[in-house]
Every structure is written in C-alpha cells, then in structure tokens.
PDB file of N, CA and C in Angstrom:
ATOM      1  N   MET A   1      33.547  75.727 131.648  1.00  0.00           N
ATOM      2  CA  MET A   1      34.152  74.549 131.067  1.00  0.00           C
ATOM      3  C   MET A   1      33.051  73.729 130.397  1.00  0.00           C
ATOM      4  N   GLU A   2      33.173  73.498 129.118  1.00  0.00           N
ATOM      5  CA  GLU A   2      32.212  72.676 128.407  1.00  0.00           C
ATOM      6  C   GLU A   2      32.868  71.355 128.044  1.00  0.00           C
ATOM      7  N   ILE A   3      32.220  70.286 128.453  1.00  0.00           N
ATOM      8  CA  ILE A   3      32.709  68.948 128.144  1.00  0.00           C
ATOM      9  C   ILE A   3      31.649  68.254 127.304  1.00  0.00           C
ATOM     10  N   LYS A   4      32.061  67.772 126.141  1.00  0.00           N
ATOM     11  CA  LYS A   4      31.127  67.076 125.265  1.00  0.00           C
ATOM     12  C   LYS A   4      30.715  65.742 125.890  1.00  0.00           C
ATOM     13  N   THR A   5      29.442  65.418 125.747  1.00  0.00           N
ATOM     14  CA  THR A   5      28.939  64.158 126.255  1.00  0.00           C
ATOM     15  C   THR A   5      28.369  63.319 125.119  1.00  0.00           C
ATOM     16  N   ILE A   6      28.175  62.050 125.407  1.00  0.00           N
ATOM     17  CA  ILE A   6      27.519  61.147 124.474  1.00  0.00           C
ATOM     18  C   ILE A   6      26.373  60.465 125.226  1.00  0.00           C
ATOM     19  N   ASN A   7      25.381  60.018 124.490  1.00  0.00           N
ATOM     20  CA  ASN A   7      24.246  59.366 125.095  1.00  0.00           C
ATOM     21  C   ASN A   7      24.496  57.863 125.144  1.00  0.00           C
ATOM     22  N   LEU A   8      24.390  57.311 126.332  1.00  0.00           N
ATOM     23  CA  LEU A   8      24.570  55.876 126.536  1.00  0.00           C
ATOM     24  C   LEU A   8      23.315  55.346 127.207  1.00  0.00           C
ATOM     25  N   LYS A   9      22.468  54.701 126.415  1.00  0.00           N
ATOM     26  CA  LYS A   9      21.222  54.121 126.916  1.00  0.00           C
ATOM     27  C   LYS A   9      20.385  55.136 127.689  1.00  0.00           C
ATOM     28  N   GLY A  10      20.255  56.334 127.110  1.00  0.00           N
ATOM     29  CA  GLY A  10      19.386  57.353 127.680  1.00  0.00           C
ATOM     30  C   GLY A  10      20.029  58.275 128.700  1.00  0.00           C
ATOM     31  N   LYS A  11      21.301  58.097 129.004  1.00  0.00           N
ATOM     32  CA  LYS A  11      21.977  58.957 129.966  1.00  0.00           C
ATOM     33  C   LYS A  11      23.225  59.550 129.324  1.00  0.00           C
ATOM     34  N   GLU A  12      23.502  60.811 129.617  1.00  0.00           N
ATOM     35  CA  GLU A  12      24.672  61.485 129.056  1.00  0.00           C
ATOM     36  C   GLU A  12      25.920  61.186 129.889  1.00  0.00           C
ATOM     37  N   TYR A  13      26.986  60.789 129.202  1.00  0.00           N
ATOM     38  CA  TYR A  13      28.281  60.536 129.835  1.00  0.00           C
ATOM     39  C   TYR A  13      29.370  61.301 129.089  1.00  0.00           C
ATOM     40  N   ALA A  14      30.362  61.724 129.816  1.00  0.00           N
ATOM     41  CA  ALA A  14      31.498  62.428 129.234  1.00  0.00           C
ATOM     42  C   ALA A  14      32.640  61.432 129.040  1.00  0.00           C
ATOM     43  N   PRO A  15      33.045  61.178 127.797  1.00  0.00           N
ATOM     44  CA  PRO A  15      34.184  60.285 127.572  1.00  0.00           C
ATOM     45  C   PRO A  15      35.447  60.824 128.260  1.00  0.00           C
ATOM     46  N   VAL A  16      36.298  59.913 128.663  1.00  0.00           N
ATOM     47  CA  VAL A  16      37.510  60.296 129.389  1.00  0.00           C
ATOM     48  C   VAL A  16      38.375  61.247 128.567  1.00  0.00           C
ATOM     49  N   GLY A  17      38.459  61.050 127.270  1.00  0.00           N
ATOM     50  CA  GLY A  17      39.240  61.948 126.426  1.00  0.00           C
ATOM     51  C   GLY A  17      38.744  63.382 126.504  1.00  0.00           C
ATOM     52  N   GLU A  18      37.437  63.558 126.543  1.00  0.00           N
ATOM     53  CA  GLU A  18      36.859  64.899 126.673  1.00  0.00           C
ATOM     54  C   GLU A  18      37.177  65.496 128.042  1.00  0.00           C
ATOM     55  N   ARG A  19      37.078  64.674 129.085  1.00  0.00           N
ATOM     56  CA  ARG A  19      37.404  65.142 130.447  1.00  0.00           C
ATOM     57  C   ARG A  19      38.873  65.568 130.521  1.00  0.00           C
ATOM     58  N   LEU A  20      39.733  64.762 129.907  1.00  0.00           N
ATOM     59  CA  LEU A  20      41.169  65.058 129.931  1.00  0.00           C
ATOM     60  C   LEU A  20      41.481  66.341 129.172  1.00  0.00           C
ATOM     61  N   ASN A  21      40.864  66.538 128.019  1.00  0.00           N
ATOM     62  CA  ASN A  21      41.070  67.777 127.265  1.00  0.00           C
ATOM     63  C   ASN A  21      40.636  68.993 128.079  1.00  0.00           C
ATOM     64  N   ALA A  22      39.493  68.900 128.732  1.00  0.00           N
ATOM     65  CA  ALA A  22      38.989  70.012 129.548  1.00  0.00           C
ATOM     66  C   ALA A  22      39.923  70.287 130.722  1.00  0.00           C
ATOM     67  N   PHE A  23      40.462  69.239 131.331  1.00  0.00           N
ATOM     68  CA  PHE A  23      41.402  69.387 132.447  1.00  0.00           C
ATOM     69  C   PHE A  23      42.645  70.150 132.009  1.00  0.00           C
ATOM     70  N   HIS A  24      43.213  69.749 130.870  1.00  0.00           N
ATOM     71  CA  HIS A  24      44.419  70.424 130.372  1.00  0.00           C
ATOM     72  C   HIS A  24      44.122  71.859 129.919  1.00  0.00           C
ATOM     73  N   GLU A  25      42.930  72.089 129.439  1.00  0.00           N
ATOM     74  CA  GLU A  25      42.545  73.439 129.044  1.00  0.00           C
ATOM     75  C   GLU A  25      42.404  74.345 130.275  1.00  0.00           C
ATOM     76  N   ALA A  26      41.866  73.801 131.341  1.00  0.00           N
ATOM     77  CA  ALA A  26      41.650  74.580 132.568  1.00  0.00           C
ATOM     78  C   ALA A  26      42.943  74.800 133.344  1.00  0.00           C
ATOM     79  N   TYR A  27      43.847  73.840 133.295  1.00  0.00           N
ATOM     80  CA  TYR A  27      45.089  73.902 134.082  1.00  0.00           C
ATOM     81  C   TYR A  27      46.294  73.730 133.163  1.00  0.00           C
ATOM     82  N   LYS A  28      46.936  74.818 132.869  1.00  0.00           N
ATOM     83  CA  LYS A  28      48.066  74.788 131.925  1.00  0.00           C
ATOM     84  C   LYS A  28      49.320  74.152 132.503  1.00  0.00           C
ATOM     85  N   ASN A  29      49.393  74.063 133.837  1.00  0.00           N
ATOM     86  CA  ASN A  29      50.569  73.507 134.488  1.00  0.00           C
ATOM     87  C   ASN A  29      50.225  72.183 135.176  1.00  0.00           C
ATOM     88  N   ALA A  30      49.329  71.430 134.559  1.00  0.00           N
ATOM     89  CA  ALA A  30      48.828  70.190 135.148  1.00  0.00           C
ATOM     90  C   ALA A  30      49.752  69.007 134.872  1.00  0.00           C
ATOM     91  N   GLN A  31      49.517  67.957 135.656  1.00  0.00           N
ATOM     92  CA  GLN A  31      50.257  66.710 135.460  1.00  0.00           C
ATOM     93  C   GLN A  31      49.289  65.540 135.618  1.00  0.00           C
ATOM     94  N   VAL A  32      49.452  64.542 134.770  1.00  0.00           N
ATOM     95  CA  VAL A  32      48.652  63.324 134.831  1.00  0.00           C
ATOM     96  C   VAL A  32      49.621  62.146 134.876  1.00  0.00           C
ATOM     97  N   LYS A  33      49.460  61.301 135.876  1.00  0.00           N
ATOM     98  CA  LYS A  33      50.319  60.123 136.011  1.00  0.00           C
ATOM     99  C   LYS A  33      49.448  58.897 136.255  1.00  0.00           C
ATOM    100  N   THR A  34      49.860  57.782 135.682  1.00  0.00           N
ATOM    101  CA  THR A  34      49.212  56.513 135.971  1.00  0.00           C
ATOM    102  C   THR A  34      50.265  55.494 136.354  1.00  0.00           C
ATOM    103  N   SER A  35      49.852  54.533 137.163  1.00  0.00           N
ATOM    104  CA  SER A  35      50.740  53.436 137.538  1.00  0.00           C
ATOM    105  C   SER A  35      49.884  52.187 137.724  1.00  0.00           C
ATOM    106  N   TYR A  36      50.529  51.043 137.764  1.00  0.00           N
ATOM    107  CA  TYR A  36      49.783  49.803 137.935  1.00  0.00           C
ATOM    108  C   TYR A  36      50.611  48.764 138.671  1.00  0.00           C
ATOM    109  N   ASP A  37      49.909  47.802 139.236  1.00  0.00           N
ATOM    110  CA  ASP A  37      50.510  46.653 139.903  1.00  0.00           C
ATOM    111  C   ASP A  37      49.759  45.403 139.480  1.00  0.00           C
ATOM    112  N   PHE A  38      50.485  44.300 139.373  1.00  0.00           N
ATOM    113  CA  PHE A  38      49.859  43.006 139.131  1.00  0.00           C
ATOM    114  C   PHE A  38      49.908  42.215 140.435  1.00  0.00           C
ATOM    115  N   LYS A  39      48.758  41.681 140.834  1.00  0.00           N
ATOM    116  CA  LYS A  39      48.699  40.875 142.051  1.00  0.00           C
ATOM    117  C   LYS A  39      47.757  39.708 141.821  1.00  0.00           C
ATOM    118  N   GLU A  40      48.294  38.511 141.877  1.00  0.00           N
ATOM    119  CA  GLU A  40      47.506  37.288 141.795  1.00  0.00           C
ATOM    120  C   GLU A  40      46.538  37.278 140.608  1.00  0.00           C
ATOM    121  N   GLY A  41      47.033  37.656 139.443  1.00  0.00           N
ATOM    122  CA  GLY A  41      46.233  37.641 138.236  1.00  0.00           C
ATOM    123  C   GLY A  41      45.386  38.886 138.010  1.00  0.00           C
ATOM    124  N   TRP A  42      45.422  39.804 138.922  1.00  0.00           N
ATOM    125  CA  TRP A  42      44.646  41.047 138.813  1.00  0.00           C
ATOM    126  C   TRP A  42      45.580  42.214 138.531  1.00  0.00           C
ATOM    127  N   CYS A  43      45.072  43.193 137.806  1.00  0.00           N
ATOM    128  CA  CYS A  43      45.820  44.422 137.576  1.00  0.00           C
ATOM    129  C   CYS A  43      45.083  45.551 138.294  1.00  0.00           C
ATOM    130  N   ILE A  44      45.809  46.326 139.050  1.00  0.00           N
ATOM    131  CA  ILE A  44      45.251  47.474 139.758  1.00  0.00           C
ATOM    132  C   ILE A  44      45.912  48.730 139.206  1.00  0.00           C
ATOM    133  N   PHE A  45      45.100  49.623 138.635  1.00  0.00           N
ATOM    134  CA  PHE A  45      45.596  50.886 138.090  1.00  0.00           C
ATOM    135  C   PHE A  45      45.287  52.019 139.046  1.00  0.00           C
ATOM    136  N   ARG A  46      46.197  52.983 139.106  1.00  0.00           N
ATOM    137  CA  ARG A  46      46.009  54.193 139.890  1.00  0.00           C
ATOM    138  C   ARG A  46      46.327  55.375 138.982  1.00  0.00           C
ATOM    139  N   ALA A  47      45.419  56.339 138.934  1.00  0.00           N
ATOM    140  CA  ALA A  47      45.656  57.574 138.186  1.00  0.00           C
ATOM    141  C   ALA A  47      45.710  58.725 139.184  1.00  0.00           C
ATOM    142  N   LYS A  48      46.609  59.644 138.926  1.00  0.00           N
ATOM    143  CA  LYS A  48      46.757  60.821 139.787  1.00  0.00           C
ATOM    144  C   LYS A  48      46.784  62.045 138.879  1.00  0.00           C
ATOM    145  N   VAL A  49      45.872  62.985 139.102  1.00  0.00           N
ATOM    146  CA  VAL A  49      45.849  64.228 138.337  1.00  0.00           C
ATOM    147  C   VAL A  49      46.117  65.384 139.294  1.00  0.00           C
ATOM    148  N   THR A  50      47.081  66.200 138.928  1.00  0.00           N
ATOM    149  CA  THR A  50      47.486  67.341 139.737  1.00  0.00           C
ATOM    150  C   THR A  50      47.244  68.610 138.931  1.00  0.00           C
ATOM    151  N   PRO A  51      46.360  69.493 139.381  1.00  0.00           N
ATOM    152  CA  PRO A  51      46.062  70.709 138.618  1.00  0.00           C
ATOM    153  C   PRO A  51      47.263  71.628 138.414  1.00  0.00           C
ATOM    154  N   ASP A  52      48.092  71.785 139.436  1.00  0.00           N
ATOM    155  CA  ASP A  52      49.257  72.661 139.305  1.00  0.00           C
ATOM    156  C   ASP A  52      50.470  71.942 139.874  1.00  0.00           C
ATOM    157  N   VAL A  53      51.310  71.450 138.987  1.00  0.00           N
ATOM    158  CA  VAL A  53      52.441  70.628 139.396  1.00  0.00           C
ATOM    159  C   VAL A  53      53.458  71.423 140.231  1.00  0.00           C
ATOM    160  N   GLU A  54      53.550  72.733 140.039  1.00  0.00           N
ATOM    161  CA  GLU A  54      54.501  73.524 140.831  1.00  0.00           C
ATOM    162  C   GLU A  54      54.001  73.762 142.249  1.00  0.00           C
ATOM    163  N   LYS A  55      52.712  74.024 142.409  1.00  0.00           N
ATOM    164  CA  LYS A  55      52.155  74.250 143.747  1.00  0.00           C
ATOM    165  C   LYS A  55      51.972  72.941 144.505  1.00  0.00           C
ATOM    166  N   ARG A  56      51.586  71.884 143.794  1.00  0.00           N
ATOM    167  CA  ARG A  56      51.368  70.568 144.387  1.00  0.00           C
ATOM    168  C   ARG A  56      50.535  70.621 145.670  1.00  0.00           C
ATOM    169  N   SER A  57      49.617  71.584 145.736  1.00  0.00           N
ATOM    170  CA  SER A  57      48.810  71.736 146.941  1.00  0.00           C
ATOM    171  C   SER A  57      47.736  70.662 147.053  1.00  0.00           C
ATOM    172  N   HIS A  58      47.293  70.125 145.936  1.00  0.00           N
ATOM    173  CA  HIS A  58      46.294  69.065 145.971  1.00  0.00           C
ATOM    174  C   HIS A  58      46.337  68.252 144.672  1.00  0.00           C
ATOM    175  N   TYR A  59      45.801  67.062 144.764  1.00  0.00           N
ATOM    176  CA  TYR A  59      45.702  66.187 143.603  1.00  0.00           C
ATOM    177  C   TYR A  59      44.493  65.278 143.807  1.00  0.00           C
ATOM    178  N   TYR A  60      44.121  64.591 142.740  1.00  0.00           N
ATOM    179  CA  TYR A  60      42.961  63.707 142.770  1.00  0.00           C
ATOM    180  C   TYR A  60      43.377  62.350 142.229  1.00  0.00           C
ATOM    181  N   THR A  61      42.845  61.287 142.816  1.00  0.00           N
ATOM    182  CA  THR A  61      43.195  59.947 142.373  1.00  0.00           C
ATOM    183  C   THR A  61      41.952  59.150 141.969  1.00  0.00           C
ATOM    184  N   GLY A  62      42.175  58.177 141.131  1.00  0.00           N
ATOM    185  CA  GLY A  62      41.148  57.219 140.745  1.00  0.00           C
ATOM    186  C   GLY A  62      41.792  55.861 140.585  1.00  0.00           C
ATOM    187  N   HIS A  63      41.045  54.829 140.867  1.00  0.00           N
ATOM    188  CA  HIS A  63      41.572  53.468 140.796  1.00  0.00           C
ATOM    189  C   HIS A  63      40.650  52.581 139.975  1.00  0.00           C
ATOM    190  N   SER A  64      41.221  51.502 139.466  1.00  0.00           N
ATOM    191  CA  SER A  64      40.436  50.466 138.814  1.00  0.00           C
ATOM    192  C   SER A  64      41.160  49.144 139.003  1.00  0.00           C
ATOM    193  N   MET A  65      40.390  48.069 138.929  1.00  0.00           N
ATOM    194  CA  MET A  65      40.970  46.747 139.126  1.00  0.00           C
ATOM    195  C   MET A  65      40.254  45.760 138.207  1.00  0.00           C
ATOM    196  N   GLY A  66      41.001  44.857 137.636  1.00  0.00           N
ATOM    197  CA  GLY A  66      40.383  43.841 136.794  1.00  0.00           C
ATOM    198  C   GLY A  66      41.379  42.792 136.359  1.00  0.00           C
ATOM    199  N   LYS A  67      40.855  41.709 135.839  1.00  0.00           N
ATOM    200  CA  LYS A  67      41.682  40.646 135.263  1.00  0.00           C
ATOM    201  C   LYS A  67      42.104  41.075 133.863  1.00  0.00           C
ATOM    202  N   VAL A  68      43.307  40.738 133.495  1.00  0.00           N
ATOM    203  CA  VAL A  68      43.806  41.074 132.161  1.00  0.00           C
ATOM    204  C   VAL A  68      43.531  39.875 131.259  1.00  0.00           C
ATOM    205  N   ALA A  69      42.343  39.899 130.648  1.00  0.00           N
ATOM    206  CA  ALA A  69      41.897  38.763 129.849  1.00  0.00           C
ATOM    207  C   ALA A  69      41.899  39.032 128.347  1.00  0.00           C
ATOM    208  N   SER A  70      42.157  40.280 127.951  1.00  0.00           N
ATOM    209  CA  SER A  70      42.182  40.594 126.527  1.00  0.00           C
ATOM    210  C   SER A  70      43.336  41.548 126.244  1.00  0.00           C
ATOM    211  N   GLU A  71      43.627  41.742 124.965  1.00  0.00           N
ATOM    212  CA  GLU A  71      44.772  42.577 124.601  1.00  0.00           C
ATOM    213  C   GLU A  71      44.574  44.044 124.926  1.00  0.00           C
ATOM    214  N   LYS A  72      43.335  44.503 125.091  1.00  0.00           N
ATOM    215  CA  LYS A  72      43.072  45.907 125.407  1.00  0.00           C
ATOM    216  C   LYS A  72      42.712  46.121 126.875  1.00  0.00           C
ATOM    217  N   ALA A  73      42.807  45.085 127.696  1.00  0.00           N
ATOM    218  CA  ALA A  73      42.392  45.173 129.090  1.00  0.00           C
ATOM    219  C   ALA A  73      43.176  46.236 129.868  1.00  0.00           C
ATOM    220  N   LEU A  74      44.484  46.299 129.664  1.00  0.00           N
ATOM    221  CA  LEU A  74      45.284  47.292 130.394  1.00  0.00           C
ATOM    222  C   LEU A  74      44.863  48.714 130.049  1.00  0.00           C
ATOM    223  N   GLU A  75      44.659  48.977 128.759  1.00  0.00           N
ATOM    224  CA  GLU A  75      44.256  50.313 128.335  1.00  0.00           C
ATOM    225  C   GLU A  75      42.903  50.691 128.932  1.00  0.00           C
ATOM    226  N   LYS A  76      41.977  49.740 128.962  1.00  0.00           N
ATOM    227  CA  LYS A  76      40.651  50.016 129.520  1.00  0.00           C
ATOM    228  C   LYS A  76      40.739  50.300 131.014  1.00  0.00           C
ATOM    229  N   LEU A  77      41.532  49.515 131.741  1.00  0.00           N
ATOM    230  CA  LEU A  77      41.682  49.744 133.177  1.00  0.00           C
ATOM    231  C   LEU A  77      42.326  51.101 133.461  1.00  0.00           C
ATOM    232  N   GLU A  78      43.311  51.470 132.653  1.00  0.00           N
ATOM    233  CA  GLU A  78      43.952  52.772 132.817  1.00  0.00           C
ATOM    234  C   GLU A  78      42.947  53.893 132.552  1.00  0.00           C
ATOM    235  N   THR A  79      42.145  53.741 131.505  1.00  0.00           N
ATOM    236  CA  THR A  79      41.147  54.748 131.166  1.00  0.00           C
ATOM    237  C   THR A  79      40.113  54.900 132.271  1.00  0.00           C
ATOM    238  N   VAL A  80      39.682  53.812 132.849  1.00  0.00           N
ATOM    239  CA  VAL A  80      38.702  53.869 133.940  1.00  0.00           C
ATOM    240  C   VAL A  80      39.285  54.616 135.134  1.00  0.00           C
ATOM    241  N   SER A  81      40.526  54.296 135.520  1.00  0.00           N
ATOM    242  CA  SER A  81      41.128  54.975 136.678  1.00  0.00           C
ATOM    243  C   SER A  81      41.309  56.462 136.398  1.00  0.00           C
ATOM    244  N   LEU A  82      41.712  56.819 135.187  1.00  0.00           N
ATOM    245  CA  LEU A  82      41.879  58.225 134.827  1.00  0.00           C
ATOM    246  C   LEU A  82      40.531  58.945 134.813  1.00  0.00           C
ATOM    247  N   GLY A  83      39.517  58.311 134.269  1.00  0.00           N
ATOM    248  CA  GLY A  83      38.180  58.905 134.250  1.00  0.00           C
ATOM    249  C   GLY A  83      37.663  59.177 135.642  1.00  0.00           C
ATOM    250  N   ARG A  84      37.914  58.269 136.571  1.00  0.00           N
ATOM    251  CA  ARG A  84      37.466  58.455 137.950  1.00  0.00           C
ATOM    252  C   ARG A  84      38.215  59.610 138.607  1.00  0.00           C
ATOM    253  N   ALA A  85      39.523  59.695 138.395  1.00  0.00           N
ATOM    254  CA  ALA A  85      40.304  60.799 138.977  1.00  0.00           C
ATOM    255  C   ALA A  85      39.819  62.144 138.437  1.00  0.00           C
ATOM    256  N   LEU A  86      39.571  62.217 137.145  1.00  0.00           N
ATOM    257  CA  LEU A  86      39.097  63.469 136.545  1.00  0.00           C
ATOM    258  C   LEU A  86      37.700  63.831 137.041  1.00  0.00           C
ATOM    259  N   ALA A  87      36.845  62.836 137.221  1.00  0.00           N
ATOM    260  CA  ALA A  87      35.503  63.103 137.741  1.00  0.00           C
ATOM    261  C   ALA A  87      35.571  63.631 139.171  1.00  0.00           C
ATOM    262  N   ILE A  88      36.423  63.040 139.981  1.00  0.00           N
ATOM    263  CA  ILE A  88      36.580  63.500 141.358  1.00  0.00           C
ATOM    264  C   ILE A  88      37.118  64.926 141.373  1.00  0.00           C
ATOM    265  N   ALA A  89      37.938  65.275 140.381  1.00  0.00           N
ATOM    266  CA  ALA A  89      38.470  66.639 140.263  1.00  0.00           C
ATOM    267  C   ALA A  89      37.425  67.619 139.726  1.00  0.00           C
ATOM    268  N   GLY A  90      36.236  67.126 139.394  1.00  0.00           N
ATOM    269  CA  GLY A  90      35.162  68.002 138.935  1.00  0.00           C
ATOM    270  C   GLY A  90      34.966  68.026 137.434  1.00  0.00           C
ATOM    271  N   PHE A  91      35.620  67.130 136.716  1.00  0.00           N
ATOM    272  CA  PHE A  91      35.519  67.105 135.259  1.00  0.00           C
ATOM    273  C   PHE A  91      34.573  66.000 134.802  1.00  0.00           C
ATOM    274  N   ALA A  92      33.326  66.166 135.201  1.00  0.00           N
ATOM    275  CA  ALA A  92      32.238  65.278 134.784  1.00  0.00           C
ATOM    276  C   ALA A  92      30.968  66.104 134.826  1.00  0.00           C
ATOM    277  N   PRO A  93      30.501  66.567 133.679  1.00  0.00           N
ATOM    278  CA  PRO A  93      29.359  67.477 133.666  1.00  0.00           C
ATOM    279  C   PRO A  93      28.088  66.904 134.263  1.00  0.00           C
ATOM    280  N   ASP A  94      27.960  65.588 134.261  1.00  0.00           N
ATOM    281  CA  ASP A  94      26.761  64.977 134.825  1.00  0.00           C
ATOM    282  C   ASP A  94      26.908  64.685 136.317  1.00  0.00           C
ATOM    283  N   GLY A  95      28.084  64.963 136.874  1.00  0.00           N
ATOM    284  CA  GLY A  95      28.321  64.750 138.294  1.00  0.00           C
ATOM    285  C   GLY A  95      28.641  63.315 138.678  1.00  0.00           C
ATOM    286  N   SER A  96      28.699  62.424 137.691  1.00  0.00           N
ATOM    287  CA  SER A  96      28.975  61.023 138.016  1.00  0.00           C
ATOM    288  C   SER A  96      30.471  60.778 138.138  1.00  0.00           C
ATOM    289  N   ILE A  97      30.821  59.757 138.850  1.00  0.00           N
ATOM    290  CA  ILE A  97      32.224  59.366 139.000  1.00  0.00           C
ATOM    291  C   ILE A  97      32.601  58.336 137.941  1.00  0.00           C
ATOM    292  N   ALA A  98      31.667  57.462 137.581  1.00  0.00           N
ATOM    293  CA  ALA A  98      31.948  56.413 136.607  1.00  0.00           C
ATOM    294  C   ALA A  98      32.194  57.008 135.226  1.00  0.00           C
ATOM    295  N   SER A  99      33.158  56.454 134.533  1.00  0.00           N
ATOM    296  CA  SER A  99      33.458  56.884 133.166  1.00  0.00           C
ATOM    297  C   SER A  99      32.520  56.209 132.183  1.00  0.00           C
ATOM    298  N   TYR A 100      32.474  56.736 130.984  1.00  0.00           N
ATOM    299  CA  TYR A 100      31.696  56.123 129.903  1.00  0.00           C
ATOM    300  C   TYR A 100      32.137  54.676 129.706  1.00  0.00           C
ATOM    301  N   GLU A 101      33.443  54.453 129.679  1.00  0.00           N
ATOM    302  CA  GLU A 101      33.981  53.121 129.458  1.00  0.00           C
ATOM    303  C   GLU A 101      33.557  52.162 130.569  1.00  0.00           C
ATOM    304  N   GLU A 102      33.533  52.670 131.784  1.00  0.00           N
ATOM    305  CA  GLU A 102      33.113  51.862 132.916  1.00  0.00           C
ATOM    306  C   GLU A 102      31.624  51.517 132.809  1.00  0.00           C
ATOM    307  N   MET A 103      30.815  52.485 132.439  1.00  0.00           N
ATOM    308  CA  MET A 103      29.376  52.261 132.314  1.00  0.00           C
ATOM    309  C   MET A 103      29.061  51.370 131.121  1.00  0.00           C
ATOM    310  N   GLU A 104      29.834  51.496 130.050  1.00  0.00           N
ATOM    311  CA  GLU A 104      29.645  50.642 128.890  1.00  0.00           C
ATOM    312  C   GLU A 104      29.850  49.178 129.271  1.00  0.00           C
ATOM    313  N   LYS A 105      30.874  48.915 130.063  1.00  0.00           N
ATOM    314  CA  LYS A 105      31.146  47.542 130.521  1.00  0.00           C
ATOM    315  C   LYS A 105      30.019  47.080 131.445  1.00  0.00           C
ATOM    316  N   PHE A 106      29.578  47.945 132.335  1.00  0.00           N
ATOM    317  CA  PHE A 106      28.531  47.610 133.289  1.00  0.00           C
ATOM    318  C   PHE A 106      27.212  47.307 132.587  1.00  0.00           C
ATOM    319  N   ASN A 107      26.888  48.114 131.568  1.00  0.00           N
ATOM    320  CA  ASN A 107      25.626  47.939 130.854  1.00  0.00           C
ATOM    321  C   ASN A 107      25.673  46.859 129.786  1.00  0.00           C
ATOM    322  N   GLY A 108      26.865  46.297 129.580  1.00  0.00           N
ATOM    323  CA  GLY A 108      27.018  45.197 128.641  1.00  0.00           C
ATOM    324  C   GLY A 108      26.993  45.627 127.244  1.00  0.00           C
TER     325      GLY A 108
END
C-alpha cells in the first residue's frame, strides 16, 4: 500500500484523503461512517471505519473535539476524526496517529 505524503515543517504526513483512498483500495467492501454531537458549545466527532462491512469482525474509531468558531470547523473536526481512525487502522505510512490537518493546526 503506497500512501502519498506531504512535507510539513520537515516531517512527512499523509493527508486524510490519501489515507481514505488507500483504505478503499485495500478493502473493497469497506464502510466509513461519521457522527457528531454538540455539547455546551463543543462539537465532538466520531469516525468509524470498518474494513469488511459483511464480516463486521472489527472496526477502528477516531474522535475529535472542538469549538465551532468558523464556517469550516465542522469539516475540519470530521477530517481529524477520520484521519485518526484510518491511522489506527494502519493507514499512516509514518506511523503517526495525528492527521496532517491536526498537525497543521497544532503547528500554527
């Protein structure tokens, strides 16, 4: 499985879109679901990736939480949770759990 990476301040990260493409390429019967809850001004996203929806023997989850302060905040939180779930499933060539989007926010 080859996942394209980008360089972010000297370290290679795999964008979530690349991780997702590799996941679907590896598992033809896969399922990806996201959900969210709003609690006291915070949004909590949960992503669940299942390699084989018919077998349902295992799945991987990722979460993210943040304040919804901009028009793209929901999309970013969803992307972070999905990136974490895919990384936990083994779709991160650098072995990291954090997504590019998450590290971009962290590094400012």
